[in-house]
Amino acid sequence: MTTGAQRTVPEGRARSLFGAGHPPFSFIKEVIMELTDVLTAISTVGFPIVFCLIMFWYLREESANHKTEMLDLKNVIAENNTILASLKQLIEDRLGGND
């Protein structure tokens, strides 16, 4: 009985599986290199993408808050205009008419 370490792949068999000049299982090294490239791309490009998504969410929330604030401000200005109009009318009545 032979163990896995003692078994060898015949040279012709290795060439037919992996192409000429490639040792057996060299594709594993290539896959690991590609995986490393992908992880490097994620680490260099992933942070800006995540940060952009966070900024998008933040700006969306700020826009909604700003809209609410502007509606409140609009209502306050409308109330102030009403009060100023009644104050103007009161002053005109007290001073005795339109001059």
C-alpha atoms as a PDB file:
ATOM      1  CA  MET A   1       0.000   0.000   0.000  1.00  0.00           C
ATOM      2  CA  THR A   2       1.388   3.414  -0.945  1.00  0.00           C
ATOM      3  CA  THR A   3       0.639   6.705   0.737  1.00  0.00           C
ATOM      4  CA  GLY A   4      -0.285   9.948  -1.031  1.00  0.00           C
ATOM      5  CA  ALA A   5       3.197  11.332  -0.539  1.00  0.00           C
ATOM      6  CA  GLN A   6       4.738   8.350  -2.325  1.00  0.00           C
ATOM      7  CA  ARG A   7       2.457   8.553  -5.358  1.00  0.00           C
ATOM      8  CA  THR A   8       3.727  10.521  -8.315  1.00  0.00           C
ATOM      9  CA  VAL A   9       1.908  11.707 -11.367  1.00  0.00           C
ATOM     10  CA  PRO A  10       3.528  10.597 -14.581  1.00  0.00           C
ATOM     11  CA  GLU A  11       5.046  13.493 -16.510  1.00  0.00           C
ATOM     12  CA  GLY A  12       2.817  12.930 -19.523  1.00  0.00           C
ATOM     13  CA  ARG A  13      -0.297  12.954 -17.335  1.00  0.00           C
ATOM     14  CA  ALA A  14       0.677  16.245 -15.664  1.00  0.00           C
ATOM     15  CA  ARG A  15       1.272  17.879 -19.014  1.00  0.00           C
ATOM     16  CA  SER A  16      -2.053  16.745 -20.395  1.00  0.00           C
ATOM     17  CA  LEU A  17      -3.970  18.056 -17.357  1.00  0.00           C
ATOM     18  CA  PHE A  18      -2.205  21.355 -16.785  1.00  0.00           C
ATOM     19  CA  GLY A  19      -0.566  22.131 -20.105  1.00  0.00           C
ATOM     20  CA  ALA A  20       3.049  21.970 -21.073  1.00  0.00           C
ATOM     21  CA  GLY A  21       5.532  23.398 -18.614  1.00  0.00           C
ATOM     22  CA  HIS A  22       3.062  23.661 -15.688  1.00  0.00           C
ATOM     23  CA  PRO A  23       3.761  21.518 -12.647  1.00  0.00           C
ATOM     24  CA  PRO A  24       0.799  19.696 -11.142  1.00  0.00           C
ATOM     25  CA  PHE A  25      -1.463  21.866  -8.954  1.00  0.00           C
ATOM     26  CA  SER A  26       0.108  25.138 -10.084  1.00  0.00           C
ATOM     27  CA  PHE A  27      -3.434  26.413 -10.601  1.00  0.00           C
ATOM     28  CA  ILE A  28      -3.840  26.608  -6.796  1.00  0.00           C
ATOM     29  CA  LYS A  29      -1.081  29.216  -6.653  1.00  0.00           C
ATOM     30  CA  GLU A  30      -2.813  31.160  -9.437  1.00  0.00           C
ATOM     31  CA  VAL A  31      -6.166  31.025  -7.593  1.00  0.00           C
ATOM     32  CA  ILE A  32      -4.530  32.242  -4.384  1.00  0.00           C
ATOM     33  CA  MET A  33      -2.843  35.077  -6.298  1.00  0.00           C
ATOM     34  CA  GLU A  34      -6.213  36.058  -7.847  1.00  0.00           C
ATOM     35  CA  LEU A  35      -7.863  35.921  -4.424  1.00  0.00           C
ATOM     36  CA  THR A  36      -5.129  38.158  -3.033  1.00  0.00           C
ATOM     37  CA  ASP A  37      -5.710  40.610  -5.883  1.00  0.00           C
ATOM     38  CA  VAL A  38      -9.443  40.643  -5.153  1.00  0.00           C
ATOM     39  CA  LEU A  39      -8.864  41.210  -1.432  1.00  0.00           C
ATOM     40  CA  THR A  40      -6.414  44.011  -2.206  1.00  0.00           C
ATOM     41  CA  ALA A  41      -8.962  45.649  -4.506  1.00  0.00           C
ATOM     42  CA  ILE A  42     -11.657  45.386  -1.828  1.00  0.00           C
ATOM     43  CA  SER A  43      -9.394  46.848   0.836  1.00  0.00           C
ATOM     44  CA  THR A  44      -8.311  49.760  -1.368  1.00  0.00           C
ATOM     45  CA  VAL A  45     -11.612  50.465  -3.126  1.00  0.00           C
ATOM     46  CA  GLY A  46     -14.028  49.038  -0.559  1.00  0.00           C
ATOM     47  CA  PHE A  47     -13.481  51.740   2.050  1.00  0.00           C
ATOM     48  CA  PRO A  48     -14.349  54.618  -0.305  1.00  0.00           C
ATOM     49  CA  ILE A  49     -17.437  52.756  -1.496  1.00  0.00           C
ATOM     50  CA  VAL A  50     -18.621  52.110   2.062  1.00  0.00           C
ATOM     51  CA  PHE A  51     -17.849  55.709   3.012  1.00  0.00           C
ATOM     52  CA  CYS A  52     -19.829  56.976   0.017  1.00  0.00           C
ATOM     53  CA  LEU A  53     -22.803  54.840   1.064  1.00  0.00           C
ATOM     54  CA  ILE A  54     -22.594  56.216   4.610  1.00  0.00           C
ATOM     55  CA  MET A  55     -22.415  59.775   3.266  1.00  0.00           C
ATOM     56  CA  PHE A  56     -25.416  59.080   0.996  1.00  0.00           C
ATOM     57  CA  TRP A  57     -27.447  57.881   3.986  1.00  0.00           C
ATOM     58  CA  TYR A  58     -26.326  60.872   6.081  1.00  0.00           C
ATOM     59  CA  LEU A  59     -27.219  63.400   3.376  1.00  0.00           C
ATOM     60  CA  ARG A  60     -30.589  61.739   2.870  1.00  0.00           C
ATOM     61  CA  GLU A  61     -31.336  62.018   6.587  1.00  0.00           C
ATOM     62  CA  GLU A  62     -30.133  65.622   6.686  1.00  0.00           C
ATOM     63  CA  SER A  63     -32.295  66.462   3.680  1.00  0.00           C
ATOM     64  CA  ALA A  64     -35.373  65.035   5.408  1.00  0.00           C
ATOM     65  CA  ASN A  65     -34.547  66.967   8.599  1.00  0.00           C
ATOM     66  CA  HIS A  66     -33.981  70.159   6.601  1.00  0.00           C
ATOM     67  CA  LYS A  67     -37.324  69.749   4.847  1.00  0.00           C
ATOM     68  CA  THR A  68     -39.080  69.477   8.219  1.00  0.00           C
ATOM     69  CA  GLU A  69     -37.228  72.514   9.542  1.00  0.00           C
ATOM     70  CA  MET A  70     -38.127  74.575   6.478  1.00  0.00           C
ATOM     71  CA  LEU A  71     -41.819  73.666   6.798  1.00  0.00           C
ATOM     72  CA  ASP A  72     -41.745  74.736  10.452  1.00  0.00           C
ATOM     73  CA  LEU A  73     -39.978  77.967   9.520  1.00  0.00           C
ATOM     74  CA  LYS A  74     -42.537  78.643   6.793  1.00  0.00           C
ATOM     75  CA  ASN A  75     -45.360  78.239   9.318  1.00  0.00           C
ATOM     76  CA  VAL A  76     -43.642  80.544  11.824  1.00  0.00           C
ATOM     77  CA  ILE A  77     -43.084  83.214   9.156  1.00  0.00           C
ATOM     78  CA  ALA A  78     -46.747  82.981   8.090  1.00  0.00           C
ATOM     79  CA  GLU A  79     -47.827  83.420  11.729  1.00  0.00           C
ATOM     80  CA  ASN A  80     -45.472  86.403  12.111  1.00  0.00           C
ATOM     81  CA  ASN A  81     -46.936  88.003   8.983  1.00  0.00           C
ATOM     82  CA  THR A  82     -50.437  87.612  10.419  1.00  0.00           C
ATOM     83  CA  ILE A  83     -49.364  89.128  13.736  1.00  0.00           C
ATOM     84  CA  LEU A  84     -47.571  92.007  11.987  1.00  0.00           C
ATOM     85  CA  ALA A  85     -50.642  92.745   9.864  1.00  0.00           C
ATOM     86  CA  SER A  86     -52.843  92.880  12.974  1.00  0.00           C
ATOM     87  CA  LEU A  87     -50.238  95.020  14.785  1.00  0.00           C
ATOM     88  CA  LYS A  88     -50.120  97.390  11.818  1.00  0.00           C
ATOM     89  CA  GLN A  89     -53.905  97.639  11.876  1.00  0.00           C
ATOM     90  CA  LEU A  90     -53.876  98.320  15.646  1.00  0.00           C
ATOM     91  CA  ILE A  91     -51.249 101.072  15.266  1.00  0.00           C
ATOM     92  CA  GLU A  92     -53.186 102.690  12.414  1.00  0.00           C
ATOM     93  CA  ASP A  93     -56.376 102.614  14.497  1.00  0.00           C
ATOM     94  CA  ARG A  94     -54.647 104.164  17.523  1.00  0.00           C
ATOM     95  CA  LEU A  95     -52.934 106.909  15.510  1.00  0.00           C
ATOM     96  CA  GLY A  96     -56.128 107.896  13.830  1.00  0.00           C
ATOM     97  CA  GLY A  97     -56.285 106.700  10.274  1.00  0.00           C
ATOM     98  CA  ASN A  98     -54.344 106.317   7.063  1.00  0.00           C
ATOM     99  CA  ASP A  99     -52.041 109.203   6.207  1.00  0.00           C
END
